Structures are given as C-alpha cells and as structure tokens.
Amino acid sequence: MKMRTLGLLGLAACSIKIAFAQDTHVSEWPKARQPQLAGDYSGQVRDWMTRDPACEYKRARLQIKADKRYVLTTRCDRGKGRKETVAGPWWIDEIAGSCLILNREPPLRHEDERWYGFRISDDATSLSQDGGSCTAADERDNGMILRRIPQDAS
C-alpha cells in the first residue's frame, strides 16, 4: 500500500512540474501577435539547396500575408542569373525560440518541406536567416537579413 501511495505522489509531483514548465514558457510570437508579421521584406538570403555555387547568395523579396501564406522572389545576379518565385505556408516554430518557417510547396525533398528559417526581431522590422529551421545555423547565414519595407503613408 505504501509503495502505491509513493508512486501516486511521485506521479502527481511530475505532473505538477510538467504543467508548471508549460505555463512558464513565454511565446515571443503567439498566434494573436502573428498578424503583425504581415508585410513586405527585402534583402539577401542564402539558398542552401542551390546547385549553382555562384548563386548561393541571392537578392530576395518576401511578402508575408496574414492568412499564413507567403510569396518569396529571389534573384541571382551571377551564374545563371535567374529569378525564382515560390509560395507556400508559413508558421512559427517555438522549439528554438520564435522562428518564422517558410515551407515550400511542393517540397523538393519528401523528408522535409522547410525551405527557410528566420529569427524574428522583437518589433518585426527584420528577419535574420538561420538555416532551414533555426536549429542548425550555418555561419554562411550571417548577414542574411530581410528588412521590412515601410508602407507609404499616402
């Protein structure tokens, strides 16, 4: 009987600890705040999947929509110099802090549809590239920043 009571007390303590840990996590970009990300951004990205080394770094324009969709247009000025436009859904991953994930439709590799990952500045004025999913940063991503394009006041 004592072992059962101790087991139940241990289980209750673990449940309380888990509930407390979940309650203390603060999401920097909760669902109610995510529409603030909507807008146009411009800058540079690193295309980690390119087969043309001359076009690893590209100029980029990103349009984030409040309906959780995006349009990304990239252009390489060297190498083959082609323009590419992709669209798909975006979402926020909280596993490694708030990370804006752009999924590609259809995925190029069936095991992962994540195309780009960006760290979001506190005021959403810039997005800093951090690999494909913000979990395995590459030093070549340093300086790859998209800045919000101000809306005309007119």
N, C-alpha and C. Protein backbone atom coordinates (compact mmCIF):
# COMPACT_ATOMS: atom_id res chain seq x y z
N MET A 1 0.82 -1.20 0.00
CA MET A 1 0.00 0.00 0.00
C MET A 1 0.87 1.27 0.00
N LYS A 2 1.95 1.23 0.82
CA LYS A 2 2.83 2.39 0.88
C LYS A 2 3.50 2.65 -0.46
N MET A 3 3.91 1.60 -1.18
CA MET A 3 4.55 1.76 -2.49
C MET A 3 3.59 2.41 -3.47
N ARG A 4 2.33 2.01 -3.42
CA ARG A 4 1.34 2.60 -4.33
C ARG A 4 1.14 4.08 -4.03
N THR A 5 1.08 4.43 -2.76
CA THR A 5 0.92 5.83 -2.36
C THR A 5 2.13 6.65 -2.80
N LEU A 6 3.33 6.10 -2.57
CA LEU A 6 4.54 6.80 -3.00
C LEU A 6 4.57 6.96 -4.52
N GLY A 7 4.14 5.94 -5.23
CA GLY A 7 4.10 6.02 -6.69
C GLY A 7 3.13 7.10 -7.16
N LEU A 8 1.96 7.17 -6.54
CA LEU A 8 0.97 8.19 -6.90
C LEU A 8 1.47 9.59 -6.58
N LEU A 9 2.15 9.73 -5.43
CA LEU A 9 2.71 11.03 -5.07
C LEU A 9 3.79 11.45 -6.07
N GLY A 10 4.63 10.51 -6.47
CA GLY A 10 5.66 10.81 -7.46
C GLY A 10 5.06 11.22 -8.79
N LEU A 11 4.02 10.52 -9.21
CA LEU A 11 3.34 10.84 -10.47
C LEU A 11 2.70 12.22 -10.39
N ALA A 12 2.09 12.55 -9.27
CA ALA A 12 1.47 13.86 -9.09
C ALA A 12 2.54 14.96 -9.13
N ALA A 13 3.67 14.72 -8.48
CA ALA A 13 4.75 15.72 -8.48
C ALA A 13 5.27 15.96 -9.89
N CYS A 14 5.43 14.88 -10.66
CA CYS A 14 5.90 15.04 -12.05
C CYS A 14 4.88 15.80 -12.88
N SER A 15 3.61 15.52 -12.68
CA SER A 15 2.55 16.21 -13.43
C SER A 15 2.55 17.69 -13.12
N ILE A 16 2.73 18.04 -11.87
CA ILE A 16 2.76 19.45 -11.48
C ILE A 16 3.98 20.13 -12.10
N LYS A 17 5.13 19.44 -12.08
CA LYS A 17 6.35 20.02 -12.65
C LYS A 17 6.19 20.26 -14.15
N ILE A 18 5.60 19.31 -14.86
CA ILE A 18 5.38 19.45 -16.30
C ILE A 18 4.41 20.60 -16.56
N ALA A 19 3.32 20.66 -15.83
CA ALA A 19 2.33 21.73 -16.02
C ALA A 19 2.96 23.09 -15.74
N PHE A 20 3.78 23.17 -14.69
CA PHE A 20 4.44 24.45 -14.38
C PHE A 20 5.39 24.85 -15.50
N ALA A 21 6.15 23.89 -16.02
CA ALA A 21 7.09 24.20 -17.11
C ALA A 21 6.35 24.68 -18.34
N GLN A 22 5.21 24.10 -18.65
CA GLN A 22 4.43 24.52 -19.80
C GLN A 22 3.85 25.91 -19.60
N ASP A 23 3.44 26.21 -18.39
CA ASP A 23 2.85 27.51 -18.10
C ASP A 23 3.89 28.63 -18.10
N THR A 24 5.15 28.31 -17.82
CA THR A 24 6.15 29.36 -17.73
C THR A 24 6.78 29.69 -19.08
N HIS A 25 6.55 28.88 -20.12
CA HIS A 25 7.10 29.19 -21.44
C HIS A 25 6.37 30.41 -22.02
N VAL A 26 7.15 31.38 -22.41
CA VAL A 26 6.57 32.59 -22.99
C VAL A 26 6.87 32.59 -24.48
N SER A 27 5.82 32.58 -25.27
CA SER A 27 5.98 32.63 -26.72
C SER A 27 6.17 34.08 -27.13
N GLU A 28 7.25 34.34 -27.87
CA GLU A 28 7.50 35.69 -28.33
C GLU A 28 6.52 36.10 -29.43
N TRP A 29 6.05 35.13 -30.20
CA TRP A 29 5.12 35.41 -31.29
C TRP A 29 3.90 34.50 -31.20
N PRO A 30 3.05 34.71 -30.16
CA PRO A 30 1.84 33.90 -30.05
C PRO A 30 0.90 34.18 -31.22
N LYS A 31 -0.07 33.33 -31.41
CA LYS A 31 -0.99 33.45 -32.56
C LYS A 31 -1.63 34.83 -32.66
N ALA A 32 -1.97 35.43 -31.54
CA ALA A 32 -2.61 36.75 -31.58
C ALA A 32 -1.67 37.82 -32.12
N ARG A 33 -0.38 37.64 -31.98
CA ARG A 33 0.60 38.64 -32.43
C ARG A 33 1.10 38.39 -33.85
N GLN A 34 0.93 37.18 -34.36
CA GLN A 34 1.49 36.81 -35.65
C GLN A 34 1.02 37.66 -36.83
N PRO A 35 -0.20 38.19 -36.86
CA PRO A 35 -0.58 39.07 -37.99
C PRO A 35 0.31 40.30 -38.13
N GLN A 36 1.02 40.70 -37.07
CA GLN A 36 1.94 41.84 -37.14
C GLN A 36 3.12 41.57 -38.08
N LEU A 37 3.36 40.30 -38.40
CA LEU A 37 4.45 39.96 -39.31
C LEU A 37 4.09 40.24 -40.76
N ALA A 38 2.81 40.38 -41.06
CA ALA A 38 2.37 40.61 -42.44
C ALA A 38 3.01 41.88 -42.99
N GLY A 39 3.52 41.77 -44.21
CA GLY A 39 4.15 42.91 -44.86
C GLY A 39 5.17 42.45 -45.87
N ASP A 40 5.90 43.41 -46.43
CA ASP A 40 6.92 43.13 -47.43
C ASP A 40 8.30 43.33 -46.82
N TYR A 41 9.21 42.42 -47.15
CA TYR A 41 10.58 42.45 -46.65
C TYR A 41 11.53 42.32 -47.84
N SER A 42 12.70 42.92 -47.72
CA SER A 42 13.67 42.88 -48.82
C SER A 42 15.07 42.74 -48.24
N GLY A 43 15.94 42.03 -48.97
CA GLY A 43 17.32 41.87 -48.53
C GLY A 43 18.00 40.75 -49.26
N GLN A 44 18.77 39.95 -48.52
CA GLN A 44 19.51 38.84 -49.09
C GLN A 44 19.20 37.56 -48.34
N VAL A 45 19.23 36.44 -49.07
CA VAL A 45 19.11 35.12 -48.47
C VAL A 45 20.22 34.23 -49.03
N ARG A 46 20.50 33.18 -48.30
CA ARG A 46 21.42 32.16 -48.79
C ARG A 46 20.59 30.94 -49.16
N ASP A 47 20.70 30.53 -50.41
CA ASP A 47 19.98 29.34 -50.89
C ASP A 47 20.85 28.13 -50.62
N TRP A 48 20.59 27.47 -49.52
CA TRP A 48 21.42 26.35 -49.09
C TRP A 48 21.23 25.10 -49.95
N MET A 49 20.23 25.11 -50.83
CA MET A 49 20.00 23.94 -51.66
C MET A 49 20.39 24.14 -53.12
N THR A 50 20.95 25.29 -53.46
CA THR A 50 21.28 25.56 -54.85
C THR A 50 22.38 24.62 -55.36
N ARG A 51 22.31 24.33 -56.64
CA ARG A 51 23.35 23.52 -57.27
C ARG A 51 24.37 24.40 -57.99
N ASP A 52 24.09 25.69 -58.05
CA ASP A 52 24.99 26.65 -58.71
C ASP A 52 25.71 27.45 -57.64
N PRO A 53 26.98 27.13 -57.35
CA PRO A 53 27.69 27.84 -56.27
C PRO A 53 27.78 29.35 -56.48
N ALA A 54 27.72 29.80 -57.71
CA ALA A 54 27.76 31.25 -57.97
C ALA A 54 26.47 31.93 -57.51
N CYS A 55 25.42 31.14 -57.30
CA CYS A 55 24.12 31.70 -56.89
C CYS A 55 23.70 31.26 -55.50
N GLU A 56 24.67 31.02 -54.63
CA GLU A 56 24.33 30.66 -53.26
C GLU A 56 23.67 31.83 -52.53
N TYR A 57 24.13 33.05 -52.82
CA TYR A 57 23.57 34.25 -52.19
C TYR A 57 22.71 34.99 -53.21
N LYS A 58 21.50 35.32 -52.79
CA LYS A 58 20.54 35.92 -53.71
C LYS A 58 19.86 37.13 -53.10
N ARG A 59 19.48 38.07 -53.98
CA ARG A 59 18.61 39.15 -53.54
C ARG A 59 17.22 38.55 -53.35
N ALA A 60 16.48 39.07 -52.38
CA ALA A 60 15.18 38.47 -52.09
C ALA A 60 14.15 39.52 -51.73
N ARG A 61 12.93 39.20 -52.07
CA ARG A 61 11.77 39.99 -51.67
C ARG A 61 10.74 39.01 -51.13
N LEU A 62 10.31 39.24 -49.91
CA LEU A 62 9.37 38.33 -49.23
C LEU A 62 8.11 39.08 -48.88
N GLN A 63 6.99 38.52 -49.27
CA GLN A 63 5.70 39.08 -48.87
C GLN A 63 5.05 38.07 -47.93
N ILE A 64 4.84 38.50 -46.69
CA ILE A 64 4.17 37.67 -45.70
C ILE A 64 2.74 38.14 -45.59
N LYS A 65 1.83 37.21 -45.69
CA LYS A 65 0.41 37.54 -45.62
C LYS A 65 -0.17 37.08 -44.29
N ALA A 66 -1.18 37.79 -43.82
CA ALA A 66 -1.79 37.47 -42.53
C ALA A 66 -2.50 36.11 -42.55
N ASP A 67 -2.84 35.61 -43.74
CA ASP A 67 -3.54 34.32 -43.83
C ASP A 67 -2.58 33.12 -43.80
N LYS A 68 -1.35 33.36 -43.29
CA LYS A 68 -0.33 32.32 -43.14
C LYS A 68 0.21 31.81 -44.47
N ARG A 69 0.25 32.68 -45.48
CA ARG A 69 0.85 32.36 -46.78
C ARG A 69 1.96 33.36 -47.04
N TYR A 70 2.88 33.00 -47.90
CA TYR A 70 3.96 33.90 -48.27
C TYR A 70 4.25 33.75 -49.76
N VAL A 71 4.92 34.76 -50.32
CA VAL A 71 5.48 34.72 -51.67
C VAL A 71 6.91 35.21 -51.55
N LEU A 72 7.86 34.40 -52.01
CA LEU A 72 9.28 34.74 -51.95
C LEU A 72 9.83 34.76 -53.37
N THR A 73 10.39 35.90 -53.76
CA THR A 73 11.02 36.04 -55.07
C THR A 73 12.51 36.27 -54.84
N THR A 74 13.33 35.41 -55.45
CA THR A 74 14.78 35.55 -55.33
C THR A 74 15.39 35.73 -56.71
N ARG A 75 16.53 36.41 -56.71
CA ARG A 75 17.24 36.64 -57.97
C ARG A 75 18.74 36.57 -57.72
N CYS A 76 19.41 35.85 -58.57
CA CYS A 76 20.85 35.75 -58.53
C CYS A 76 21.41 36.61 -59.66
N ASP A 77 22.33 37.49 -59.33
CA ASP A 77 22.93 38.37 -60.34
C ASP A 77 24.14 37.75 -61.02
N ARG A 78 24.59 36.62 -60.51
CA ARG A 78 25.73 35.94 -61.11
C ARG A 78 25.30 34.55 -61.58
N GLY A 79 26.22 33.81 -62.11
CA GLY A 79 25.91 32.46 -62.55
C GLY A 79 24.82 32.48 -63.61
N LYS A 80 23.82 31.67 -63.41
CA LYS A 80 22.72 31.59 -64.38
C LYS A 80 21.79 32.81 -64.29
N GLY A 81 21.88 33.54 -63.20
CA GLY A 81 21.15 34.80 -63.06
C GLY A 81 19.65 34.70 -63.22
N ARG A 82 19.06 33.66 -62.75
CA ARG A 82 17.63 33.53 -62.94
C ARG A 82 16.82 33.97 -61.73
N LYS A 83 15.60 34.32 -62.00
CA LYS A 83 14.65 34.76 -60.98
C LYS A 83 13.74 33.58 -60.66
N GLU A 84 13.45 33.41 -59.38
CA GLU A 84 12.57 32.31 -58.95
C GLU A 84 11.55 32.86 -57.96
N THR A 85 10.31 32.44 -58.12
CA THR A 85 9.26 32.81 -57.18
C THR A 85 8.63 31.54 -56.64
N VAL A 86 8.56 31.45 -55.33
CA VAL A 86 7.92 30.31 -54.67
C VAL A 86 6.89 30.86 -53.68
N ALA A 87 5.90 30.06 -53.42
CA ALA A 87 4.85 30.45 -52.48
C ALA A 87 4.49 29.23 -51.63
N GLY A 88 3.96 29.49 -50.49
CA GLY A 88 3.56 28.40 -49.61
C GLY A 88 3.11 28.91 -48.27
N PRO A 89 2.93 28.00 -47.33
CA PRO A 89 2.51 28.40 -45.98
C PRO A 89 3.70 28.77 -45.11
N TRP A 90 3.45 29.62 -44.13
CA TRP A 90 4.44 29.93 -43.12
C TRP A 90 3.86 29.61 -41.76
N TRP A 91 4.74 29.40 -40.80
CA TRP A 91 4.32 29.13 -39.43
C TRP A 91 5.45 29.50 -38.49
N ILE A 92 5.15 29.57 -37.20
CA ILE A 92 6.13 29.91 -36.18
C ILE A 92 6.48 28.66 -35.41
N ASP A 93 7.77 28.38 -35.32
CA ASP A 93 8.27 27.26 -34.54
C ASP A 93 8.84 27.82 -33.25
N GLU A 94 8.36 27.33 -32.13
CA GLU A 94 8.81 27.82 -30.83
C GLU A 94 9.85 26.91 -30.19
N ILE A 95 10.26 25.86 -30.88
CA ILE A 95 11.19 24.90 -30.27
C ILE A 95 12.55 25.53 -29.96
N ALA A 96 12.98 26.45 -30.77
CA ALA A 96 14.29 27.08 -30.55
C ALA A 96 14.11 28.60 -30.46
N GLY A 97 13.07 29.05 -29.80
CA GLY A 97 12.74 30.46 -29.81
C GLY A 97 11.86 30.73 -31.01
N SER A 98 11.35 31.90 -31.13
CA SER A 98 10.44 32.19 -32.24
C SER A 98 11.19 32.21 -33.57
N CYS A 99 10.79 31.32 -34.45
CA CYS A 99 11.42 31.18 -35.75
C CYS A 99 10.33 31.13 -36.81
N LEU A 100 10.42 32.01 -37.78
CA LEU A 100 9.49 32.01 -38.91
C LEU A 100 9.96 30.96 -39.90
N ILE A 101 9.13 29.98 -40.16
CA ILE A 101 9.45 28.89 -41.08
C ILE A 101 8.65 29.08 -42.35
N LEU A 102 9.34 29.06 -43.49
CA LEU A 102 8.68 29.08 -44.79
C LEU A 102 8.73 27.66 -45.35
N ASN A 103 7.58 27.09 -45.58
CA ASN A 103 7.51 25.77 -46.21
C ASN A 103 7.39 25.93 -47.70
N ARG A 104 7.96 25.01 -48.43
CA ARG A 104 7.88 25.04 -49.89
C ARG A 104 6.83 24.03 -50.33
N GLU A 105 6.01 24.44 -51.27
CA GLU A 105 5.00 23.55 -51.84
C GLU A 105 5.23 23.43 -53.34
N PRO A 106 5.38 22.25 -53.84
CA PRO A 106 5.61 21.00 -53.10
C PRO A 106 7.05 20.97 -52.59
N PRO A 107 7.30 20.18 -51.55
CA PRO A 107 8.67 20.08 -51.03
C PRO A 107 9.60 19.51 -52.09
N LEU A 108 10.84 19.96 -52.07
CA LEU A 108 11.83 19.42 -53.01
C LEU A 108 12.32 18.05 -52.55
N ARG A 109 12.40 17.89 -51.25
CA ARG A 109 12.78 16.59 -50.68
C ARG A 109 11.61 16.14 -49.83
N HIS A 110 11.18 14.95 -50.01
CA HIS A 110 9.99 14.48 -49.32
C HIS A 110 10.15 14.36 -47.81
N GLU A 111 11.38 14.37 -47.28
CA GLU A 111 11.53 14.22 -45.84
C GLU A 111 11.38 15.54 -45.07
N ASP A 112 11.51 16.68 -45.75
CA ASP A 112 11.37 17.95 -45.04
C ASP A 112 10.92 19.03 -46.01
N GLU A 113 9.86 19.72 -45.65
CA GLU A 113 9.32 20.77 -46.52
C GLU A 113 9.80 22.16 -46.10
N ARG A 114 10.58 22.25 -45.03
CA ARG A 114 11.07 23.55 -44.57
C ARG A 114 12.07 24.11 -45.57
N TRP A 115 11.81 25.33 -46.02
CA TRP A 115 12.64 25.93 -47.05
C TRP A 115 13.60 26.93 -46.42
N TYR A 116 13.07 27.84 -45.64
CA TYR A 116 13.88 28.85 -44.96
C TYR A 116 13.40 29.00 -43.53
N GLY A 117 14.33 29.37 -42.64
CA GLY A 117 14.00 29.70 -41.26
C GLY A 117 14.60 31.06 -40.93
N PHE A 118 13.82 31.91 -40.27
CA PHE A 118 14.28 33.26 -39.93
C PHE A 118 14.00 33.57 -38.47
N ARG A 119 14.99 34.14 -37.80
CA ARG A 119 14.78 34.70 -36.46
C ARG A 119 14.08 36.03 -36.65
N ILE A 120 13.09 36.29 -35.83
CA ILE A 120 12.27 37.49 -35.95
C ILE A 120 12.74 38.53 -34.93
N SER A 121 12.98 39.75 -35.39
CA SER A 121 13.33 40.81 -34.44
C SER A 121 12.12 41.11 -33.57
N ASP A 122 12.36 41.68 -32.40
CA ASP A 122 11.27 41.95 -31.46
C ASP A 122 10.15 42.78 -32.06
N ASP A 123 10.50 43.73 -32.92
CA ASP A 123 9.48 44.61 -33.49
C ASP A 123 9.10 44.22 -34.92
N ALA A 124 9.55 43.06 -35.37
CA ALA A 124 9.24 42.53 -36.71
C ALA A 124 9.73 43.42 -37.85
N THR A 125 10.79 44.19 -37.60
CA THR A 125 11.34 45.01 -38.68
C THR A 125 12.41 44.29 -39.47
N SER A 126 12.89 43.16 -38.95
CA SER A 126 13.87 42.38 -39.70
C SER A 126 13.75 40.90 -39.40
N LEU A 127 14.13 40.12 -40.39
CA LEU A 127 14.15 38.66 -40.30
C LEU A 127 15.56 38.21 -40.63
N SER A 128 16.21 37.50 -39.72
CA SER A 128 17.59 37.06 -39.92
C SER A 128 17.59 35.57 -40.23
N GLN A 129 18.14 35.21 -41.37
CA GLN A 129 18.14 33.82 -41.78
C GLN A 129 18.95 32.98 -40.81
N ASP A 130 18.40 31.83 -40.47
CA ASP A 130 19.03 30.91 -39.53
C ASP A 130 18.79 29.49 -40.01
N GLY A 131 19.40 29.15 -41.13
CA GLY A 131 19.25 27.80 -41.68
C GLY A 131 17.84 27.56 -42.21
N GLY A 132 17.50 26.31 -42.38
CA GLY A 132 16.18 25.97 -42.89
C GLY A 132 15.13 25.89 -41.81
N SER A 133 15.58 25.74 -40.56
CA SER A 133 14.59 25.58 -39.50
C SER A 133 15.02 26.16 -38.16
N CYS A 134 16.01 27.02 -38.16
CA CYS A 134 16.51 27.69 -36.96
C CYS A 134 17.07 26.72 -35.92
N THR A 135 17.44 25.52 -36.33
CA THR A 135 18.01 24.57 -35.38
C THR A 135 19.45 24.21 -35.71
N ALA A 136 19.90 24.51 -36.91
CA ALA A 136 21.26 24.17 -37.31
C ALA A 136 21.84 25.33 -38.11
N ALA A 137 22.16 26.39 -37.40
CA ALA A 137 22.66 27.59 -38.06
C ALA A 137 23.98 27.31 -38.78
N ASP A 138 24.18 28.02 -39.85
CA ASP A 138 25.40 27.92 -40.64
C ASP A 138 26.02 29.30 -40.65
N GLU A 139 27.32 29.39 -40.40
CA GLU A 139 27.96 30.71 -40.37
C GLU A 139 27.81 31.46 -41.68
N ARG A 140 27.54 30.75 -42.77
CA ARG A 140 27.32 31.41 -44.05
C ARG A 140 26.00 32.18 -44.08
N ASP A 141 25.12 31.93 -43.09
CA ASP A 141 23.86 32.66 -43.00
C ASP A 141 24.03 34.04 -42.35
N ASN A 142 25.19 34.29 -41.72
CA ASN A 142 25.43 35.59 -41.08
C ASN A 142 25.28 36.71 -42.10
N GLY A 143 24.54 37.72 -41.73
CA GLY A 143 24.33 38.86 -42.62
C GLY A 143 23.20 38.69 -43.61
N MET A 144 22.57 37.53 -43.60
CA MET A 144 21.42 37.31 -44.50
C MET A 144 20.17 37.80 -43.77
N ILE A 145 19.81 39.03 -44.06
CA ILE A 145 18.73 39.70 -43.34
C ILE A 145 17.74 40.28 -44.33
N LEU A 146 16.47 40.08 -44.03
CA LEU A 146 15.40 40.73 -44.78
C LEU A 146 14.83 41.82 -43.89
N ARG A 147 14.75 43.03 -44.41
CA ARG A 147 14.22 44.15 -43.64
C ARG A 147 12.84 44.54 -44.15
N ARG A 148 11.98 44.89 -43.21
CA ARG A 148 10.63 45.29 -43.58
C ARG A 148 10.68 46.56 -44.42
N ILE A 149 9.90 46.57 -45.50
CA ILE A 149 9.79 47.74 -46.36
C ILE A 149 8.66 48.60 -45.80
N PRO A 150 8.97 49.84 -45.42
CA PRO A 150 7.92 50.70 -44.84
C PRO A 150 6.77 50.91 -45.84
N GLN A 151 5.57 50.94 -45.33
CA GLN A 151 4.39 51.22 -46.12
C GLN A 151 4.31 52.71 -46.38
N ASP A 152 3.87 53.09 -47.57
CA ASP A 152 3.67 54.51 -47.87
C ASP A 152 2.57 55.08 -46.98
N ALA A 153 2.76 56.28 -46.53
CA ALA A 153 1.75 56.94 -45.70
C ALA A 153 0.60 57.50 -46.53
N SER A 154 0.76 57.48 -47.86
CA SER A 154 -0.28 58.08 -48.70
C SER A 154 -1.44 57.15 -48.94
